[in-house]
Amino acid sequence: MKKFLFLPIVLSMIFVSCSSAQKATEVNATRVSVAPYIKLDCQELATEMNSLVTAAEAAGAQVDAEYRSDKNAELVTWILFAPAAFWISGNQEETAKLASIKGQLEAVQEAQKINSCVR
């Protein structure tokens, strides 16, 4: 009977997530003021939007890479030395950067609406 209980407990420990790592799609935008963007004209807003989209794609790729790395490390840690899995750090730094960029994108989009740039 004990053998039957041991396997589910071990498997559940392996698949229980201890890491706080997030995927890029799970990161929410951090609210950014629209004030600095309102004074820009439509061309400048479009340029800013393009650079932010590029930065968001790069940051999203970094967040996803860190997520995969963290999850792989977590799995290996659970297999080799389970207590160490509780010290896996996650990808908070990368997600914070992505959240900020997403917030800036939302602010630029709002400025474009206020300045009647979006048709």
PDB file of N, CA and C in Angstrom:
ATOM      1  N   MET A   1       0.822  -1.198   0.000  1.00  0.00           N
ATOM      2  CA  MET A   1       0.000   0.000   0.000  1.00  0.00           C
ATOM      3  C   MET A   1       0.871   1.269   0.000  1.00  0.00           C
ATOM      4  N   LYS A   2       1.957   1.230   0.755  1.00  0.00           N
ATOM      5  CA  LYS A   2       2.837   2.390   0.820  1.00  0.00           C
ATOM      6  C   LYS A   2       3.483   2.678  -0.530  1.00  0.00           C
ATOM      7  N   LYS A   3       3.760   1.637  -1.296  1.00  0.00           N
ATOM      8  CA  LYS A   3       4.354   1.821  -2.605  1.00  0.00           C
ATOM      9  C   LYS A   3       3.410   2.577  -3.535  1.00  0.00           C
ATOM     10  N   PHE A   4       2.127   2.331  -3.404  1.00  0.00           N
ATOM     11  CA  PHE A   4       1.149   2.994  -4.257  1.00  0.00           C
ATOM     12  C   PHE A   4       0.991   4.469  -3.894  1.00  0.00           C
ATOM     13  N   LEU A   5       1.225   4.820  -2.660  1.00  0.00           N
ATOM     14  CA  LEU A   5       1.135   6.215  -2.240  1.00  0.00           C
ATOM     15  C   LEU A   5       2.402   6.986  -2.581  1.00  0.00           C
ATOM     16  N   PHE A   6       3.533   6.317  -2.575  1.00  0.00           N
ATOM     17  CA  PHE A   6       4.808   6.977  -2.814  1.00  0.00           C
ATOM     18  C   PHE A   6       4.889   7.577  -4.220  1.00  0.00           C
ATOM     19  N   LEU A   7       4.509   6.822  -5.217  1.00  0.00           N
ATOM     20  CA  LEU A   7       4.615   7.289  -6.597  1.00  0.00           C
ATOM     21  C   LEU A   7       3.771   8.544  -6.867  1.00  0.00           C
ATOM     22  N   PRO A   8       2.494   8.597  -6.482  1.00  0.00           N
ATOM     23  CA  PRO A   8       1.723   9.825  -6.724  1.00  0.00           C
ATOM     24  C   PRO A   8       2.290  11.032  -5.983  1.00  0.00           C
ATOM     25  N   ILE A   9       2.820  10.808  -4.801  1.00  0.00           N
ATOM     26  CA  ILE A   9       3.396  11.926  -4.050  1.00  0.00           C
ATOM     27  C   ILE A   9       4.627  12.461  -4.758  1.00  0.00           C
ATOM     28  N   VAL A  10       5.485  11.592  -5.211  1.00  0.00           N
ATOM     29  CA  VAL A  10       6.695  12.012  -5.925  1.00  0.00           C
ATOM     30  C   VAL A  10       6.336  12.711  -7.230  1.00  0.00           C
ATOM     31  N   LEU A  11       5.397  12.157  -7.970  1.00  0.00           N
ATOM     32  CA  LEU A  11       4.990  12.785  -9.226  1.00  0.00           C
ATOM     33  C   LEU A  11       4.361  14.148  -8.997  1.00  0.00           C
ATOM     34  N   SER A  12       3.561  14.282  -7.976  1.00  0.00           N
ATOM     35  CA  SER A  12       2.950  15.584  -7.703  1.00  0.00           C
ATOM     36  C   SER A  12       4.005  16.605  -7.295  1.00  0.00           C
ATOM     37  N   MET A  13       5.033  16.184  -6.584  1.00  0.00           N
ATOM     38  CA  MET A  13       6.110  17.100  -6.214  1.00  0.00           C
ATOM     39  C   MET A  13       6.860  17.584  -7.446  1.00  0.00           C
ATOM     40  N   ILE A  14       7.037  16.709  -8.414  1.00  0.00           N
ATOM     41  CA  ILE A  14       7.760  17.077  -9.630  1.00  0.00           C
ATOM     42  C   ILE A  14       6.961  18.101 -10.435  1.00  0.00           C
ATOM     43  N   PHE A  15       5.664  17.914 -10.498  1.00  0.00           N
ATOM     44  CA  PHE A  15       4.854  18.779 -11.341  1.00  0.00           C
ATOM     45  C   PHE A  15       4.269  19.998 -10.643  1.00  0.00           C
ATOM     46  N   VAL A  16       4.454  20.101  -9.346  1.00  0.00           N
ATOM     47  CA  VAL A  16       4.009  21.292  -8.628  1.00  0.00           C
ATOM     48  C   VAL A  16       5.016  22.394  -8.919  1.00  0.00           C
ATOM     49  N   SER A  17       4.528  23.521  -9.282  1.00  0.00           N
ATOM     50  CA  SER A  17       5.410  24.609  -9.674  1.00  0.00           C
ATOM     51  C   SER A  17       5.832  25.438  -8.474  1.00  0.00           C
ATOM     52  N   CYS A  18       7.137  25.575  -8.289  1.00  0.00           N
ATOM     53  CA  CYS A  18       7.672  26.419  -7.221  1.00  0.00           C
ATOM     54  C   CYS A  18       8.181  27.733  -7.767  1.00  0.00           C
ATOM     55  N   SER A  19       8.452  27.780  -9.017  1.00  0.00           N
ATOM     56  CA  SER A  19       9.005  28.969  -9.647  1.00  0.00           C
ATOM     57  C   SER A  19       7.900  29.993  -9.885  1.00  0.00           C
ATOM     58  N   SER A  20       8.270  31.248  -9.784  1.00  0.00           N
ATOM     59  CA  SER A  20       7.314  32.319 -10.056  1.00  0.00           C
ATOM     60  C   SER A  20       7.453  32.834 -11.492  1.00  0.00           C
ATOM     61  N   ALA A  21       8.196  32.127 -12.313  1.00  0.00           N
ATOM     62  CA  ALA A  21       8.426  32.550 -13.691  1.00  0.00           C
ATOM     63  C   ALA A  21       7.109  32.635 -14.455  1.00  0.00           C
ATOM     64  N   GLN A  22       7.030  33.641 -15.344  1.00  0.00           N
ATOM     65  CA  GLN A  22       5.839  33.845 -16.161  1.00  0.00           C
ATOM     66  C   GLN A  22       6.206  33.798 -17.637  1.00  0.00           C
ATOM     67  N   LYS A  23       5.236  33.441 -18.453  1.00  0.00           N
ATOM     68  CA  LYS A  23       5.382  33.545 -19.907  1.00  0.00           C
ATOM     69  C   LYS A  23       5.110  35.000 -20.294  1.00  0.00           C
ATOM     70  N   ALA A  24       5.581  35.394 -21.459  1.00  0.00           N
ATOM     71  CA  ALA A  24       5.383  36.767 -21.925  1.00  0.00           C
ATOM     72  C   ALA A  24       3.898  37.108 -22.042  1.00  0.00           C
ATOM     73  N   THR A  25       3.090  36.138 -22.430  1.00  0.00           N
ATOM     74  CA  THR A  25       1.654  36.390 -22.582  1.00  0.00           C
ATOM     75  C   THR A  25       0.944  36.567 -21.246  1.00  0.00           C
ATOM     76  N   GLU A  26       1.585  36.176 -20.166  1.00  0.00           N
ATOM     77  CA  GLU A  26       0.987  36.304 -18.837  1.00  0.00           C
ATOM     78  C   GLU A  26       1.344  37.625 -18.155  1.00  0.00           C
ATOM     79  N   VAL A  27       2.232  38.402 -18.763  1.00  0.00           N
ATOM     80  CA  VAL A  27       2.689  39.658 -18.166  1.00  0.00           C
ATOM     81  C   VAL A  27       1.695  40.764 -18.477  1.00  0.00           C
ATOM     82  N   ASN A  28       1.232  41.439 -17.437  1.00  0.00           N
ATOM     83  CA  ASN A  28       0.307  42.559 -17.595  1.00  0.00           C
ATOM     84  C   ASN A  28       1.084  43.873 -17.678  1.00  0.00           C
ATOM     85  N   ALA A  29       0.526  44.812 -18.402  1.00  0.00           N
ATOM     86  CA  ALA A  29       1.165  46.118 -18.563  1.00  0.00           C
ATOM     87  C   ALA A  29       1.160  46.889 -17.250  1.00  0.00           C
ATOM     88  N   THR A  30       2.227  47.643 -17.049  1.00  0.00           N
ATOM     89  CA  THR A  30       2.301  48.571 -15.923  1.00  0.00           C
ATOM     90  C   THR A  30       1.804  49.915 -16.433  1.00  0.00           C
ATOM     91  N   ARG A  31       0.916  50.540 -15.703  1.00  0.00           N
ATOM     92  CA  ARG A  31       0.318  51.813 -16.138  1.00  0.00           C
ATOM     93  C   ARG A  31       1.386  52.892 -16.251  1.00  0.00           C
ATOM     94  N   VAL A  32       1.428  53.556 -17.404  1.00  0.00           N
ATOM     95  CA  VAL A  32       2.366  54.640 -17.671  1.00  0.00           C
ATOM     96  C   VAL A  32       1.556  55.875 -18.059  1.00  0.00           C
ATOM     97  N   SER A  33       1.998  57.029 -17.595  1.00  0.00           N
ATOM     98  CA  SER A  33       1.304  58.278 -17.906  1.00  0.00           C
ATOM     99  C   SER A  33       1.383  58.579 -19.396  1.00  0.00           C
ATOM    100  N   VAL A  34       0.293  59.093 -19.924  1.00  0.00           N
ATOM    101  CA  VAL A  34       0.224  59.454 -21.342  1.00  0.00           C
ATOM    102  C   VAL A  34       0.800  60.857 -21.569  1.00  0.00           C
ATOM    103  N   ALA A  35       1.000  61.622 -20.508  1.00  0.00           N
ATOM    104  CA  ALA A  35       1.421  63.024 -20.610  1.00  0.00           C
ATOM    105  C   ALA A  35       2.662  63.249 -21.482  1.00  0.00           C
ATOM    106  N   PRO A  36       3.734  62.486 -21.336  1.00  0.00           N
ATOM    107  CA  PRO A  36       4.910  62.761 -22.175  1.00  0.00           C
ATOM    108  C   PRO A  36       4.656  62.524 -23.668  1.00  0.00           C
ATOM    109  N   TYR A  37       3.682  61.714 -23.986  1.00  0.00           N
ATOM    110  CA  TYR A  37       3.441  61.355 -25.384  1.00  0.00           C
ATOM    111  C   TYR A  37       2.447  62.293 -26.069  1.00  0.00           C
ATOM    112  N   ILE A  38       1.632  62.986 -25.311  1.00  0.00           N
ATOM    113  CA  ILE A  38       0.610  63.861 -25.908  1.00  0.00           C
ATOM    114  C   ILE A  38       1.239  64.984 -26.718  1.00  0.00           C
ATOM    115  N   LYS A  39       2.399  65.469 -26.285  1.00  0.00           N
ATOM    116  CA  LYS A  39       3.040  66.586 -26.988  1.00  0.00           C
ATOM    117  C   LYS A  39       3.720  66.173 -28.293  1.00  0.00           C
ATOM    118  N   LEU A  40       3.783  64.874 -28.569  1.00  0.00           N
ATOM    119  CA  LEU A  40       4.392  64.395 -29.807  1.00  0.00           C
ATOM    120  C   LEU A  40       3.380  64.446 -30.950  1.00  0.00           C
ATOM    121  N   ASP A  41       3.875  64.684 -32.162  1.00  0.00           N
ATOM    122  CA  ASP A  41       2.965  64.673 -33.308  1.00  0.00           C
ATOM    123  C   ASP A  41       2.758  63.228 -33.762  1.00  0.00           C
ATOM    124  N   CYS A  42       1.892  63.040 -34.739  1.00  0.00           N
ATOM    125  CA  CYS A  42       1.511  61.686 -35.176  1.00  0.00           C
ATOM    126  C   CYS A  42       2.690  60.890 -35.717  1.00  0.00           C
ATOM    127  N   GLN A  43       3.577  61.534 -36.461  1.00  0.00           N
ATOM    128  CA  GLN A  43       4.752  60.850 -37.003  1.00  0.00           C
ATOM    129  C   GLN A  43       5.669  60.384 -35.865  1.00  0.00           C
ATOM    130  N   GLU A  44       5.889  61.249 -34.888  1.00  0.00           N
ATOM    131  CA  GLU A  44       6.735  60.896 -33.749  1.00  0.00           C
ATOM    132  C   GLU A  44       6.106  59.766 -32.932  1.00  0.00           C
ATOM    133  N   LEU A  45       4.797  59.800 -32.792  1.00  0.00           N
ATOM    134  CA  LEU A  45       4.103  58.727 -32.074  1.00  0.00           C
ATOM    135  C   LEU A  45       4.222  57.403 -32.815  1.00  0.00           C
ATOM    136  N   ALA A  46       4.142  57.450 -34.146  1.00  0.00           N
ATOM    137  CA  ALA A  46       4.277  56.228 -34.939  1.00  0.00           C
ATOM    138  C   ALA A  46       5.693  55.661 -34.797  1.00  0.00           C
ATOM    139  N   THR A  47       6.686  56.533 -34.814  1.00  0.00           N
ATOM    140  CA  THR A  47       8.075  56.102 -34.642  1.00  0.00           C
ATOM    141  C   THR A  47       8.275  55.495 -33.258  1.00  0.00           C
ATOM    142  N   GLU A  48       7.739  56.153 -32.252  1.00  0.00           N
ATOM    143  CA  GLU A  48       7.836  55.648 -30.871  1.00  0.00           C
ATOM    144  C   GLU A  48       7.137  54.299 -30.754  1.00  0.00           C
ATOM    145  N   MET A  49       5.992  54.171 -31.386  1.00  0.00           N
ATOM    146  CA  MET A  49       5.246  52.913 -31.356  1.00  0.00           C
ATOM    147  C   MET A  49       6.068  51.791 -31.986  1.00  0.00           C
ATOM    148  N   ASN A  50       6.684  52.056 -33.111  1.00  0.00           N
ATOM    149  CA  ASN A  50       7.504  51.046 -33.788  1.00  0.00           C
ATOM    150  C   ASN A  50       8.680  50.602 -32.921  1.00  0.00           C
ATOM    151  N   SER A  51       9.350  51.560 -32.291  1.00  0.00           N
ATOM    152  CA  SER A  51      10.494  51.196 -31.449  1.00  0.00           C
ATOM    153  C   SER A  51      10.039  50.423 -30.220  1.00  0.00           C
ATOM    154  N   LEU A  52       8.884  50.765 -29.665  1.00  0.00           N
ATOM    155  CA  LEU A  52       8.361  50.045 -28.499  1.00  0.00           C
ATOM    156  C   LEU A  52       7.908  48.630 -28.870  1.00  0.00           C
ATOM    157  N   VAL A  53       7.327  48.473 -30.041  1.00  0.00           N
ATOM    158  CA  VAL A  53       6.925  47.136 -30.489  1.00  0.00           C
ATOM    159  C   VAL A  53       8.153  46.244 -30.633  1.00  0.00           C
ATOM    160  N   THR A  54       9.212  46.793 -31.219  1.00  0.00           N
ATOM    161  CA  THR A  54      10.459  46.036 -31.364  1.00  0.00           C
ATOM    162  C   THR A  54      11.021  45.665 -29.995  1.00  0.00           C
ATOM    163  N   ALA A  55      11.023  46.625 -29.071  1.00  0.00           N
ATOM    164  CA  ALA A  55      11.526  46.366 -27.716  1.00  0.00           C
ATOM    165  C   ALA A  55      10.654  45.342 -27.000  1.00  0.00           C
ATOM    166  N   ALA A  56       9.343  45.399 -27.198  1.00  0.00           N
ATOM    167  CA  ALA A  56       8.428  44.452 -26.559  1.00  0.00           C
ATOM    168  C   ALA A  56       8.646  43.040 -27.084  1.00  0.00           C
ATOM    169  N   GLU A  57       8.886  42.912 -28.390  1.00  0.00           N
ATOM    170  CA  GLU A  57       9.153  41.596 -28.962  1.00  0.00           C
ATOM    171  C   GLU A  57      10.439  41.003 -28.393  1.00  0.00           C
ATOM    172  N   ALA A  58      11.481  41.834 -28.281  1.00  0.00           N
ATOM    173  CA  ALA A  58      12.756  41.367 -27.728  1.00  0.00           C
ATOM    174  C   ALA A  58      12.607  41.007 -26.257  1.00  0.00           C
ATOM    175  N   ALA A  59      11.923  41.850 -25.499  1.00  0.00           N
ATOM    176  CA  ALA A  59      11.716  41.585 -24.074  1.00  0.00           C
ATOM    177  C   ALA A  59      10.848  40.337 -23.879  1.00  0.00           C
ATOM    178  N   GLY A  60       9.840  40.168 -24.731  1.00  0.00           N
ATOM    179  CA  GLY A  60       8.980  38.983 -24.654  1.00  0.00           C
ATOM    180  C   GLY A  60       9.754  37.712 -24.923  1.00  0.00           C
ATOM    181  N   ALA A  61      10.665  37.764 -25.904  1.00  0.00           N
ATOM    182  CA  ALA A  61      11.503  36.602 -26.200  1.00  0.00           C
ATOM    183  C   ALA A  61      12.410  36.283 -25.019  1.00  0.00           C
ATOM    184  N   GLN A  62      12.944  37.329 -24.371  1.00  0.00           N
ATOM    185  CA  GLN A  62      13.801  37.127 -23.200  1.00  0.00           C
ATOM    186  C   GLN A  62      13.006  36.525 -22.039  1.00  0.00           C
ATOM    187  N   VAL A  63      11.789  37.018 -21.822  1.00  0.00           N
ATOM    188  CA  VAL A  63      10.935  36.487 -20.755  1.00  0.00           C
ATOM    189  C   VAL A  63      10.633  35.010 -21.007  1.00  0.00           C
ATOM    190  N   ASP A  64      10.282  34.681 -22.241  1.00  0.00           N
ATOM    191  CA  ASP A  64       9.973  33.288 -22.570  1.00  0.00           C
ATOM    192  C   ASP A  64      11.203  32.385 -22.437  1.00  0.00           C
ATOM    193  N   ALA A  65      12.376  32.891 -22.836  1.00  0.00           N
ATOM    194  CA  ALA A  65      13.608  32.107 -22.699  1.00  0.00           C
ATOM    195  C   ALA A  65      13.920  31.856 -21.228  1.00  0.00           C
ATOM    196  N   GLU A  66      13.777  32.881 -20.401  1.00  0.00           N
ATOM    197  CA  GLU A  66      14.006  32.731 -18.961  1.00  0.00           C
ATOM    198  C   GLU A  66      12.981  31.782 -18.344  1.00  0.00           C
ATOM    199  N   TYR A  67      11.747  31.857 -18.822  1.00  0.00           N
ATOM    200  CA  TYR A  67      10.690  30.971 -18.325  1.00  0.00           C
ATOM    201  C   TYR A  67      11.047  29.515 -18.603  1.00  0.00           C
ATOM    202  N   ARG A  68      11.415  29.231 -19.858  1.00  0.00           N
ATOM    203  CA  ARG A  68      11.779  27.853 -20.226  1.00  0.00           C
ATOM    204  C   ARG A  68      12.989  27.374 -19.426  1.00  0.00           C
ATOM    205  N   SER A  69      13.982  28.223 -19.296  1.00  0.00           N
ATOM    206  CA  SER A  69      15.182  27.874 -18.534  1.00  0.00           C
ATOM    207  C   SER A  69      14.840  27.594 -17.074  1.00  0.00           C
ATOM    208  N   ASP A  70      14.006  28.430 -16.499  1.00  0.00           N
ATOM    209  CA  ASP A  70      13.611  28.274 -15.097  1.00  0.00           C
ATOM    210  C   ASP A  70      12.823  26.978 -14.895  1.00  0.00           C
ATOM    211  N   LYS A  71      11.908  26.696 -15.808  1.00  0.00           N
ATOM    212  CA  LYS A  71      11.102  25.476 -15.687  1.00  0.00           C
ATOM    213  C   LYS A  71      11.964  24.225 -15.865  1.00  0.00           C
ATOM    214  N   ASN A  72      12.925  24.284 -16.779  1.00  0.00           N
ATOM    215  CA  ASN A  72      13.837  23.149 -16.952  1.00  0.00           C
ATOM    216  C   ASN A  72      14.694  22.941 -15.710  1.00  0.00           C
ATOM    217  N   ALA A  73      15.205  24.041 -15.155  1.00  0.00           N
ATOM    218  CA  ALA A  73      16.007  23.955 -13.933  1.00  0.00           C
ATOM    219  C   ALA A  73      15.171  23.414 -12.785  1.00  0.00           C
ATOM    220  N   GLU A  74      13.917  23.822 -12.737  1.00  0.00           N
ATOM    221  CA  GLU A  74      13.023  23.348 -11.683  1.00  0.00           C
ATOM    222  C   GLU A  74      12.814  21.837 -11.780  1.00  0.00           C
ATOM    223  N   LEU A  75      12.604  21.353 -12.987  1.00  0.00           N
ATOM    224  CA  LEU A  75      12.401  19.920 -13.183  1.00  0.00           C
ATOM    225  C   LEU A  75      13.650  19.132 -12.780  1.00  0.00           C
ATOM    226  N   VAL A  76      14.809  19.589 -13.227  1.00  0.00           N
ATOM    227  CA  VAL A  76      16.057  18.914 -12.880  1.00  0.00           C
ATOM    228  C   VAL A  76      16.286  18.956 -11.376  1.00  0.00           C
ATOM    229  N   THR A  77      15.988  20.093 -10.777  1.00  0.00           N
ATOM    230  CA  THR A  77      16.167  20.235  -9.334  1.00  0.00           C
ATOM    231  C   THR A  77      15.265  19.275  -8.578  1.00  0.00           C
ATOM    232  N   TRP A  78      14.012  19.151  -9.007  1.00  0.00           N
ATOM    233  CA  TRP A  78      13.096  18.225  -8.341  1.00  0.00           C
ATOM    234  C   TRP A  78      13.602  16.787  -8.438  1.00  0.00           C
ATOM    235  N   ILE A  79      14.181  16.455  -9.571  1.00  0.00           N
ATOM    236  CA  ILE A  79      14.664  15.087  -9.761  1.00  0.00           C
ATOM    237  C   ILE A  79      15.925  14.836  -8.936  1.00  0.00           C
ATOM    238  N   LEU A  80      16.850  15.805  -8.934  1.00  0.00           N
ATOM    239  CA  LEU A  80      18.130  15.594  -8.261  1.00  0.00           C
ATOM    240  C   LEU A  80      18.116  15.924  -6.772  1.00  0.00           C
ATOM    241  N   PHE A  81      17.520  17.058  -6.420  1.00  0.00           N
ATOM    242  CA  PHE A  81      17.520  17.489  -5.024  1.00  0.00           C
ATOM    243  C   PHE A  81      16.309  18.383  -4.788  1.00  0.00           C
ATOM    244  N   ALA A  82      15.216  17.779  -4.426  1.00  0.00           N
ATOM    245  CA  ALA A  82      13.928  18.463  -4.340  1.00  0.00           C
ATOM    246  C   ALA A  82      13.919  19.719  -3.470  1.00  0.00           C
ATOM    247  N   PRO A  83      14.528  19.758  -2.288  1.00  0.00           N
ATOM    248  CA  PRO A  83      14.446  20.980  -1.481  1.00  0.00           C
ATOM    249  C   PRO A  83      15.018  22.221  -2.163  1.00  0.00           C
ATOM    250  N   ALA A  84      15.961  22.050  -3.068  1.00  0.00           N
ATOM    251  CA  ALA A  84      16.547  23.201  -3.754  1.00  0.00           C
ATOM    252  C   ALA A  84      15.564  23.863  -4.710  1.00  0.00           C
ATOM    253  N   ALA A  85      14.502  23.185  -5.096  1.00  0.00           N
ATOM    254  CA  ALA A  85      13.516  23.758  -6.026  1.00  0.00           C
ATOM    255  C   ALA A  85      12.820  24.974  -5.438  1.00  0.00           C
ATOM    256  N   PHE A  86      12.790  25.086  -4.133  1.00  0.00           N
ATOM    257  CA  PHE A  86      12.129  26.227  -3.504  1.00  0.00           C
ATOM    258  C   PHE A  86      12.955  27.508  -3.601  1.00  0.00           C
ATOM    259  N   TRP A  87      14.206  27.416  -4.045  1.00  0.00           N
ATOM    260  CA  TRP A  87      15.059  28.594  -4.163  1.00  0.00           C
ATOM    261  C   TRP A  87      15.227  29.065  -5.588  1.00  0.00           C
ATOM    262  N   ILE A  88      14.475  28.536  -6.520  1.00  0.00           N
ATOM    263  CA  ILE A  88      14.549  28.983  -7.912  1.00  0.00           C
ATOM    264  C   ILE A  88      13.921  30.370  -7.987  1.00  0.00           C
ATOM    265  N   SER A  89      14.623  31.290  -8.614  1.00  0.00           N
ATOM    266  CA  SER A  89      14.267  32.710  -8.505  1.00  0.00           C
ATOM    267  C   SER A  89      13.136  33.179  -9.407  1.00  0.00           C
ATOM    268  N   GLY A  90      12.946  32.600 -10.562  1.00  0.00           N
ATOM    269  CA  GLY A  90      11.917  33.100 -11.480  1.00  0.00           C
ATOM    270  C   GLY A  90      12.498  34.120 -12.442  1.00  0.00           C
ATOM    271  N   ASN A  91      11.636  34.879 -13.103  1.00  0.00           N
ATOM    272  CA  ASN A  91      12.084  35.857 -14.104  1.00  0.00           C
ATOM    273  C   ASN A  91      11.453  37.227 -13.855  1.00  0.00           C
ATOM    274  N   GLN A  92      11.431  37.656 -12.597  1.00  0.00           N
ATOM    275  CA  GLN A  92      10.774  38.910 -12.235  1.00  0.00           C
ATOM    276  C   GLN A  92      11.394  40.131 -12.917  1.00  0.00           C
ATOM    277  N   GLU A  93      12.703  40.152 -13.054  1.00  0.00           N
ATOM    278  CA  GLU A  93      13.356  41.303 -13.666  1.00  0.00           C
ATOM    279  C   GLU A  93      12.929  41.471 -15.121  1.00  0.00           C
ATOM    280  N   GLU A  94      12.912  40.378 -15.846  1.00  0.00           N
ATOM    281  CA  GLU A  94      12.522  40.422 -17.255  1.00  0.00           C
ATOM    282  C   GLU A  94      11.043  40.755 -17.412  1.00  0.00           C
ATOM    283  N   THR A  95      10.197  40.192 -16.541  1.00  0.00           N
ATOM    284  CA  THR A  95       8.766  40.482 -16.645  1.00  0.00           C
ATOM    285  C   THR A  95       8.470  41.932 -16.287  1.00  0.00           C
ATOM    286  N   ALA A  96       9.222  42.502 -15.347  1.00  0.00           N
ATOM    287  CA  ALA A  96       9.024  43.915 -14.999  1.00  0.00           C
ATOM    288  C   ALA A  96       9.361  44.816 -16.176  1.00  0.00           C
ATOM    289  N   LYS A  97      10.436  44.480 -16.883  1.00  0.00           N
ATOM    290  CA  LYS A  97      10.820  45.263 -18.066  1.00  0.00           C
ATOM    291  C   LYS A  97       9.739  45.167 -19.139  1.00  0.00           C
ATOM    292  N   LEU A  98       9.242  43.954 -19.386  1.00  0.00           N
ATOM    293  CA  LEU A  98       8.195  43.766 -20.385  1.00  0.00           C
ATOM    294  C   LEU A  98       6.912  44.487 -19.974  1.00  0.00           C
ATOM    295  N   ALA A  99       6.557  44.436 -18.711  1.00  0.00           N
ATOM    296  CA  ALA A  99       5.350  45.122 -18.227  1.00  0.00           C
ATOM    297  C   ALA A  99       5.460  46.626 -18.449  1.00  0.00           C
ATOM    298  N   SER A 100       6.644  47.179 -18.230  1.00  0.00           N
ATOM    299  CA  SER A 100       6.859  48.607 -18.450  1.00  0.00           C
ATOM    300  C   SER A 100       6.717  48.967 -19.926  1.00  0.00           C
ATOM    301  N   ILE A 101       7.297  48.158 -20.785  1.00  0.00           N
ATOM    302  CA  ILE A 101       7.194  48.411 -22.235  1.00  0.00           C
ATOM    303  C   ILE A 101       5.746  48.308 -22.696  1.00  0.00           C
ATOM    304  N   LYS A 102       5.023  47.306 -22.192  1.00  0.00           N
ATOM    305  CA  LYS A 102       3.601  47.177 -22.545  1.00  0.00           C
ATOM    306  C   LYS A 102       2.817  48.397 -22.081  1.00  0.00           C
ATOM    307  N   GLY A 103       3.149  48.928 -20.918  1.00  0.00           N
ATOM    308  CA  GLY A 103       2.493  50.130 -20.419  1.00  0.00           C
ATOM    309  C   GLY A 103       2.791  51.334 -21.288  1.00  0.00           C
ATOM    310  N   GLN A 104       4.037  51.451 -21.742  1.00  0.00           N
ATOM    311  CA  GLN A 104       4.396  52.543 -22.638  1.00  0.00           C
ATOM    312  C   GLN A 104       3.647  52.428 -23.961  1.00  0.00           C
ATOM    313  N   LEU A 105       3.507  51.204 -24.453  1.00  0.00           N
ATOM    314  CA  LEU A 105       2.748  50.995 -25.691  1.00  0.00           C
ATOM    315  C   LEU A 105       1.307  51.460 -25.528  1.00  0.00           C
ATOM    316  N   GLU A 106       0.699  51.117 -24.408  1.00  0.00           N
ATOM    317  CA  GLU A 106      -0.677  51.555 -24.161  1.00  0.00           C
ATOM    318  C   GLU A 106      -0.760  53.075 -24.080  1.00  0.00           C
ATOM    319  N   ALA A 107       0.230  53.718 -23.461  1.00  0.00           N
ATOM    320  CA  ALA A 107       0.234  55.175 -23.353  1.00  0.00           C
ATOM    321  C   ALA A 107       0.367  55.824 -24.725  1.00  0.00           C
ATOM    322  N   VAL A 108       1.224  55.271 -25.574  1.00  0.00           N
ATOM    323  CA  VAL A 108       1.385  55.807 -26.936  1.00  0.00           C
ATOM    324  C   VAL A 108       0.087  55.635 -27.721  1.00  0.00           C
ATOM    325  N   GLN A 109      -0.552  54.479 -27.592  1.00  0.00           N
ATOM    326  CA  GLN A 109      -1.827  54.262 -28.281  1.00  0.00           C
ATOM    327  C   GLN A 109      -2.880  55.260 -27.805  1.00  0.00           C
ATOM    328  N   GLU A 110      -2.909  55.524 -26.517  1.00  0.00           N
ATOM    329  CA  GLU A 110      -3.857  56.500 -25.970  1.00  0.00           C
ATOM    330  C   GLU A 110      -3.550  57.899 -26.498  1.00  0.00           C
ATOM    331  N   ALA A 111      -2.258  58.261 -26.568  1.00  0.00           N
ATOM    332  CA  ALA A 111      -1.864  59.561 -27.104  1.00  0.00           C
ATOM    333  C   ALA A 111      -2.248  59.679 -28.569  1.00  0.00           C
ATOM    334  N   GLN A 112      -2.122  58.587 -29.315  1.00  0.00           N
ATOM    335  CA  GLN A 112      -2.521  58.610 -30.728  1.00  0.00           C
ATOM    336  C   GLN A 112      -4.023  58.874 -30.858  1.00  0.00           C
ATOM    337  N   LYS A 113      -4.810  58.297 -29.976  1.00  0.00           N
ATOM    338  CA  LYS A 113      -6.268  58.545 -30.014  1.00  0.00           C
ATOM    339  C   LYS A 113      -6.567  59.998 -29.641  1.00  0.00           C
ATOM    340  N   ILE A 114      -5.895  60.492 -28.596  1.00  0.00           N
ATOM    341  CA  ILE A 114      -6.128  61.874 -28.154  1.00  0.00           C
ATOM    342  C   ILE A 114      -5.735  62.869 -29.248  1.00  0.00           C
ATOM    343  N   ASN A 115      -4.650  62.589 -29.935  1.00  0.00           N
ATOM    344  CA  ASN A 115      -4.162  63.483 -30.998  1.00  0.00           C
ATOM    345  C   ASN A 115      -4.807  63.203 -32.352  1.00  0.00           C
ATOM    346  N   SER A 116      -5.803  62.347 -32.374  1.00  0.00           N
ATOM    347  CA  SER A 116      -6.532  61.980 -33.595  1.00  0.00           C
ATOM    348  C   SER A 116      -5.614  61.416 -34.673  1.00  0.00           C
ATOM    349  N   CYS A 117      -4.653  60.624 -34.274  1.00  0.00           N
ATOM    350  CA  CYS A 117      -3.726  59.997 -35.233  1.00  0.00           C
ATOM    351  C   CYS A 117      -4.296  58.692 -35.751  1.00  0.00           C
ATOM    352  N   VAL A 118      -5.128  58.042 -34.958  1.00  0.00           N
ATOM    353  CA  VAL A 118      -5.696  56.753 -35.334  1.00  0.00           C
ATOM    354  C   VAL A 118      -7.010  56.991 -36.041  1.00  0.00           C
ATOM    355  N   ARG A 119      -7.127  56.384 -37.197  1.00  0.00           N
ATOM    356  CA  ARG A 119      -8.355  56.562 -37.972  1.00  0.00           C
ATOM    357  C   ARG A 119      -9.184  55.335 -37.927  1.00  0.00           C
TER     358      ARG A 119
END
